[in-house]
Amino acid sequence: MSEVMITSTLSRSATRQHTTTGTGSGSRSRRMPAIVVVLMAFVGFGLTACMPAPEGGNLTDLNEVRAAVALPGLTRTPELDAKAKAQADRMASKGTIFHSSNLASGVTEGWSSIGENVALAGSVDDAQRALEASPGHYANMVNPAFNQVGIGVTVRNGVTYVVQIFVSR
């Protein structure tokens, strides 16, 4: 997808199922499928644990942008991640991008400023490049007041929806 949509305000892992069937007699052949299933579960867990989540890569991208202008990195928080993911899911269900209707809703007290970047593209990397090329979105990324971020990514029908929520505390 070459089209990218972005907007700003002041955020899959693939699994493979494997089934083994066999025939045999005796206790050894009955134990073997169970052992294979247990080994497959451990191997599958290890592979899934090694696959980076798209949100983690986006945090790296954001912090590289900030480092380029001598700013400290942002810290992801579960609260902001959940809010960003919920917004990415809402956008994906409607097939378009839009801002949270009440950006501060659900964010615990103690923040002094909050911002949101939203985008859709063919990939997280494409969305990030488009956000960086937009002055308003870039301003959110390099706002020295922001020190926390939540990132949400949802992929639906080949379209990647990205939400970044920034907070200063």
C-alpha atoms as a PDB file:
ATOM      1  CA  MET A   1       0.000   0.000   0.000  1.00  0.00           C
ATOM      2  CA  SER A   2       1.563   3.252  -1.039  1.00  0.00           C
ATOM      3  CA  GLU A   3      -1.007   5.593   0.465  1.00  0.00           C
ATOM      4  CA  VAL A   4      -0.373   6.831   3.986  1.00  0.00           C
ATOM      5  CA  MET A   5      -2.820   8.786   6.129  1.00  0.00           C
ATOM      6  CA  ILE A   6      -1.688  10.623   9.246  1.00  0.00           C
ATOM      7  CA  THR A   7      -3.058  13.122  11.738  1.00  0.00           C
ATOM      8  CA  SER A   8      -1.867  14.645  15.002  1.00  0.00           C
ATOM      9  CA  THR A   9      -3.138  16.317  18.172  1.00  0.00           C
ATOM     10  CA  LEU A  10      -1.945  18.480  21.497  1.00  0.00           C
ATOM     11  CA  SER A  11      -0.488   4.466  19.443  1.00  0.00           C
ATOM     12  CA  ARG A  12       0.909  -9.551  14.934  1.00  0.00           C
ATOM     13  CA  SER A  13       2.458 -12.163  15.801  1.00  0.00           C
ATOM     14  CA  ALA A  14       1.870 -15.167  13.602  1.00  0.00           C
ATOM     15  CA  THR A  15       1.377 -18.510  15.223  1.00  0.00           C
ATOM     16  CA  ARG A  16       1.579 -21.875  13.604  1.00  0.00           C
ATOM     17  CA  GLN A  17      -0.415 -24.859  14.715  1.00  0.00           C
ATOM     18  CA  HIS A  18       1.033 -28.298  14.198  1.00  0.00           C
ATOM     19  CA  THR A  19      -0.779 -31.568  14.733  1.00  0.00           C
ATOM     20  CA  THR A  20       1.017 -34.854  14.850  1.00  0.00           C
ATOM     21  CA  THR A  21      -0.828 -38.111  14.436  1.00  0.00           C
ATOM     22  CA  GLY A  22       0.603 -41.579  14.406  1.00  0.00           C
ATOM     23  CA  THR A  23      -0.067 -45.218  15.005  1.00  0.00           C
ATOM     24  CA  GLY A  24       1.658 -47.717  17.208  1.00  0.00           C
ATOM     25  CA  SER A  25       1.212 -49.950  20.140  1.00  0.00           C
ATOM     26  CA  GLY A  26       2.493 -50.079  23.650  1.00  0.00           C
ATOM     27  CA  SER A  27       3.193 -47.359  26.194  1.00  0.00           C
ATOM     28  CA  ARG A  28       6.122 -45.920  24.229  1.00  0.00           C
ATOM     29  CA  SER A  29       3.971 -44.972  21.218  1.00  0.00           C
ATOM     30  CA  ARG A  30       1.347 -43.381  23.457  1.00  0.00           C
ATOM     31  CA  ARG A  31       3.950 -41.242  25.197  1.00  0.00           C
ATOM     32  CA  MET A  32       5.686 -40.159  22.008  1.00  0.00           C
ATOM     33  CA  PRO A  33       2.887 -37.894  20.671  1.00  0.00           C
ATOM     34  CA  ALA A  34       2.628 -36.260  24.107  1.00  0.00           C
ATOM     35  CA  ILE A  35       6.376 -35.621  24.164  1.00  0.00           C
ATOM     36  CA  VAL A  36       6.257 -34.211  20.624  1.00  0.00           C
ATOM     37  CA  VAL A  37       3.376 -31.901  21.590  1.00  0.00           C
ATOM     38  CA  VAL A  38       5.234 -30.686  24.693  1.00  0.00           C
ATOM     39  CA  LEU A  39       8.423 -30.093  22.678  1.00  0.00           C
ATOM     40  CA  MET A  40       6.462 -28.271  19.975  1.00  0.00           C
ATOM     41  CA  ALA A  41       4.882 -26.068  22.652  1.00  0.00           C
ATOM     42  CA  PHE A  42       8.300 -25.103  24.037  1.00  0.00           C
ATOM     43  CA  VAL A  43       9.749 -24.463  20.584  1.00  0.00           C
ATOM     44  CA  GLY A  44       6.667 -22.436  19.588  1.00  0.00           C
ATOM     45  CA  PHE A  45       6.847 -20.401  22.788  1.00  0.00           C
ATOM     46  CA  GLY A  46      10.533 -19.702  22.221  1.00  0.00           C
ATOM     47  CA  LEU A  47       9.968 -18.552  18.651  1.00  0.00           C
ATOM     48  CA  THR A  48       7.033 -16.361  19.630  1.00  0.00           C
ATOM     49  CA  ALA A  49       9.019 -14.822  22.494  1.00  0.00           C
ATOM     50  CA  CYS A  50      11.843 -13.934  20.081  1.00  0.00           C
ATOM     51  CA  MET A  51       9.580 -12.167  17.574  1.00  0.00           C
ATOM     52  CA  PRO A  52       9.657  -8.440  18.223  1.00  0.00           C
ATOM     53  CA  ALA A  53       6.291  -6.743  18.616  1.00  0.00           C
ATOM     54  CA  PRO A  54       5.723  -3.883  16.173  1.00  0.00           C
ATOM     55  CA  GLU A  55       5.185  -1.526  19.107  1.00  0.00           C
ATOM     56  CA  GLY A  56       8.703  -2.225  20.414  1.00  0.00           C
ATOM     57  CA  GLY A  57      10.239  -1.362  17.069  1.00  0.00           C
ATOM     58  CA  ASN A  58       8.224   1.831  16.938  1.00  0.00           C
ATOM     59  CA  LEU A  59       9.525   2.833  20.374  1.00  0.00           C
ATOM     60  CA  THR A  60      13.057   2.340  19.067  1.00  0.00           C
ATOM     61  CA  ASP A  61      12.240   4.558  16.075  1.00  0.00           C
ATOM     62  CA  LEU A  62      10.753   7.270  18.307  1.00  0.00           C
ATOM     63  CA  ASN A  63      13.744   7.241  20.637  1.00  0.00           C
ATOM     64  CA  GLU A  64      16.166   7.435  17.697  1.00  0.00           C
ATOM     65  CA  VAL A  65      14.338  10.547  16.467  1.00  0.00           C
ATOM     66  CA  ARG A  66      14.655  12.059  19.939  1.00  0.00           C
ATOM     67  CA  ALA A  67      18.321  11.081  20.296  1.00  0.00           C
ATOM     68  CA  ALA A  68      19.098  12.827  17.001  1.00  0.00           C
ATOM     69  CA  VAL A  69      18.111  16.121  18.669  1.00  0.00           C
ATOM     70  CA  ALA A  70      19.792  15.287  21.999  1.00  0.00           C
ATOM     71  CA  LEU A  71      16.562  14.438  23.863  1.00  0.00           C
ATOM     72  CA  PRO A  72      16.183  11.562  26.322  1.00  0.00           C
ATOM     73  CA  GLY A  73      14.194   8.519  25.274  1.00  0.00           C
ATOM     74  CA  LEU A  74      10.530   8.027  26.004  1.00  0.00           C
ATOM     75  CA  THR A  75       9.348   5.372  28.440  1.00  0.00           C
ATOM     76  CA  ARG A  76       6.411   3.163  27.479  1.00  0.00           C
ATOM     77  CA  THR A  77       3.715   2.693  30.090  1.00  0.00           C
ATOM     78  CA  PRO A  78       1.085  -0.058  30.197  1.00  0.00           C
ATOM     79  CA  GLU A  79      -1.680   2.497  30.778  1.00  0.00           C
ATOM     80  CA  LEU A  80      -0.801   4.521  27.670  1.00  0.00           C
ATOM     81  CA  ASP A  81      -0.148   1.361  25.628  1.00  0.00           C
ATOM     82  CA  ALA A  82      -3.650   0.093  26.434  1.00  0.00           C
ATOM     83  CA  LYS A  83      -5.179   3.430  25.476  1.00  0.00           C
ATOM     84  CA  ALA A  84      -3.206   3.571  22.206  1.00  0.00           C
ATOM     85  CA  LYS A  85      -4.072  -0.038  21.341  1.00  0.00           C
ATOM     86  CA  ALA A  86      -7.782   0.573  21.987  1.00  0.00           C
ATOM     87  CA  GLN A  87      -7.671   3.592  19.646  1.00  0.00           C
ATOM     88  CA  ALA A  88      -5.821   1.615  16.960  1.00  0.00           C
ATOM     89  CA  ASP A  89      -8.485  -1.107  17.249  1.00  0.00           C
ATOM     90  CA  ARG A  90     -11.309   1.462  16.946  1.00  0.00           C
ATOM     91  CA  MET A  91      -9.726   2.975  13.850  1.00  0.00           C
ATOM     92  CA  ALA A  92      -9.192  -0.446  12.267  1.00  0.00           C
ATOM     93  CA  SER A  93     -12.815  -1.404  12.897  1.00  0.00           C
ATOM     94  CA  LYS A  94     -13.955   1.757  11.052  1.00  0.00           C
ATOM     95  CA  GLY A  95     -11.279   1.519   8.362  1.00  0.00           C
ATOM     96  CA  THR A  96     -10.013   5.083   8.807  1.00  0.00           C
ATOM     97  CA  ILE A  97      -7.971   7.224  11.178  1.00  0.00           C
ATOM     98  CA  PHE A  98      -9.327   9.651  13.720  1.00  0.00           C
ATOM     99  CA  HIS A  99      -8.293  11.040  17.087  1.00  0.00           C
ATOM    100  CA  SER A 100      -9.483   9.913  20.467  1.00  0.00           C
ATOM    101  CA  SER A 101     -12.656  11.796  21.311  1.00  0.00           C
ATOM    102  CA  ASN A 102     -11.348  12.519  24.817  1.00  0.00           C
ATOM    103  CA  LEU A 103      -7.598  12.077  24.845  1.00  0.00           C
ATOM    104  CA  ALA A 104      -7.246  12.611  28.594  1.00  0.00           C
ATOM    105  CA  SER A 105      -9.897  10.024  29.480  1.00  0.00           C
ATOM    106  CA  GLY A 106      -8.361   7.037  31.215  1.00  0.00           C
ATOM    107  CA  VAL A 107      -4.989   8.690  31.809  1.00  0.00           C
ATOM    108  CA  THR A 108      -4.212   8.904  35.517  1.00  0.00           C
ATOM    109  CA  GLU A 109      -3.791  12.320  37.035  1.00  0.00           C
ATOM    110  CA  GLY A 110      -0.435  14.002  37.274  1.00  0.00           C
ATOM    111  CA  TRP A 111       0.236  14.770  33.625  1.00  0.00           C
ATOM    112  CA  SER A 112       0.856  18.299  32.379  1.00  0.00           C
ATOM    113  CA  SER A 113       0.535  17.793  28.616  1.00  0.00           C
ATOM    114  CA  ILE A 114      -0.694  15.064  26.308  1.00  0.00           C
ATOM    115  CA  GLY A 115      -0.499  14.501  22.549  1.00  0.00           C
ATOM    116  CA  GLU A 116      -1.527  11.921  19.999  1.00  0.00           C
ATOM    117  CA  ASN A 117      -0.262  10.884  16.576  1.00  0.00           C
ATOM    118  CA  VAL A 118      -2.384   8.552  14.439  1.00  0.00           C
ATOM    119  CA  ALA A 119      -1.543   7.022  11.071  1.00  0.00           C
ATOM    120  CA  LEU A 120      -2.415   4.243   8.696  1.00  0.00           C
ATOM    121  CA  ALA A 121      -0.055   2.719   6.161  1.00  0.00           C
ATOM    122  CA  GLY A 122       1.137  -0.567   4.751  1.00  0.00           C
ATOM    123  CA  SER A 123       3.525  -1.109   7.680  1.00  0.00           C
ATOM    124  CA  VAL A 124       4.613   0.416  10.979  1.00  0.00           C
ATOM    125  CA  ASP A 125       7.817   1.634   9.309  1.00  0.00           C
ATOM    126  CA  ASP A 126       5.864   3.394   6.537  1.00  0.00           C
ATOM    127  CA  ALA A 127       3.588   5.028   9.115  1.00  0.00           C
ATOM    128  CA  GLN A 128       6.576   6.168  11.173  1.00  0.00           C
ATOM    129  CA  ARG A 129       8.326   7.690   8.147  1.00  0.00           C
ATOM    130  CA  ALA A 130       5.160   9.605   7.236  1.00  0.00           C
ATOM    131  CA  LEU A 131       4.749  10.859  10.807  1.00  0.00           C
ATOM    132  CA  GLU A 132       8.373  12.023  10.900  1.00  0.00           C
ATOM    133  CA  ALA A 133       7.893  13.910   7.622  1.00  0.00           C
ATOM    134  CA  SER A 134       4.920  15.848   9.015  1.00  0.00           C
ATOM    135  CA  PRO A 135       5.881  18.940  11.055  1.00  0.00           C
ATOM    136  CA  GLY A 136       3.027  18.568  13.577  1.00  0.00           C
ATOM    137  CA  HIS A 137       3.710  14.902  14.221  1.00  0.00           C
ATOM    138  CA  TYR A 138       7.429  15.428  14.393  1.00  0.00           C
ATOM    139  CA  ALA A 139       6.802  18.188  16.950  1.00  0.00           C
ATOM    140  CA  ASN A 140       5.044  15.671  19.204  1.00  0.00           C
ATOM    141  CA  MET A 141       7.942  13.220  18.847  1.00  0.00           C
ATOM    142  CA  VAL A 142      10.576  15.795  19.796  1.00  0.00           C
ATOM    143  CA  ASN A 143       8.603  17.741  22.374  1.00  0.00           C
ATOM    144  CA  PRO A 144      11.078  17.902  25.276  1.00  0.00           C
ATOM    145  CA  ALA A 145       8.219  17.950  27.801  1.00  0.00           C
ATOM    146  CA  PHE A 146       7.036  14.476  26.792  1.00  0.00           C
ATOM    147  CA  ASN A 147       8.679  11.649  28.714  1.00  0.00           C
ATOM    148  CA  GLN A 148       6.133   8.803  28.436  1.00  0.00           C
ATOM    149  CA  VAL A 149       4.503   7.144  25.443  1.00  0.00           C
ATOM    150  CA  GLY A 150       1.928   4.522  24.642  1.00  0.00           C
ATOM    151  CA  ILE A 151       2.028   2.765  21.301  1.00  0.00           C
ATOM    152  CA  GLY A 152      -0.782   0.807  19.704  1.00  0.00           C
ATOM    153  CA  VAL A 153      -0.630  -1.093  16.429  1.00  0.00           C
ATOM    154  CA  THR A 154      -3.464  -2.984  14.760  1.00  0.00           C
ATOM    155  CA  VAL A 155      -3.240  -4.695  11.381  1.00  0.00           C
ATOM    156  CA  ARG A 156      -6.487  -5.383   9.572  1.00  0.00           C
ATOM    157  CA  ASN A 157      -6.982  -6.367   5.944  1.00  0.00           C
ATOM    158  CA  GLY A 158      -3.376  -5.509   5.107  1.00  0.00           C
ATOM    159  CA  VAL A 159      -3.627  -2.020   6.611  1.00  0.00           C
ATOM    160  CA  THR A 160      -1.527  -1.043   9.635  1.00  0.00           C
ATOM    161  CA  TYR A 161      -3.055   1.458  12.083  1.00  0.00           C
ATOM    162  CA  VAL A 162      -0.567   3.155  14.416  1.00  0.00           C
ATOM    163  CA  VAL A 163      -1.337   5.307  17.463  1.00  0.00           C
ATOM    164  CA  GLN A 164       1.272   7.105  19.583  1.00  0.00           C
ATOM    165  CA  ILE A 165       0.118   8.815  22.783  1.00  0.00           C
ATOM    166  CA  PHE A 166       2.614  11.165  24.453  1.00  0.00           C
ATOM    167  CA  VAL A 167       2.436  12.414  28.048  1.00  0.00           C
ATOM    168  CA  SER A 168       4.596  14.603  30.212  1.00  0.00           C
ATOM    169  CA  ARG A 169       4.698  13.887  33.938  1.00  0.00           C
END
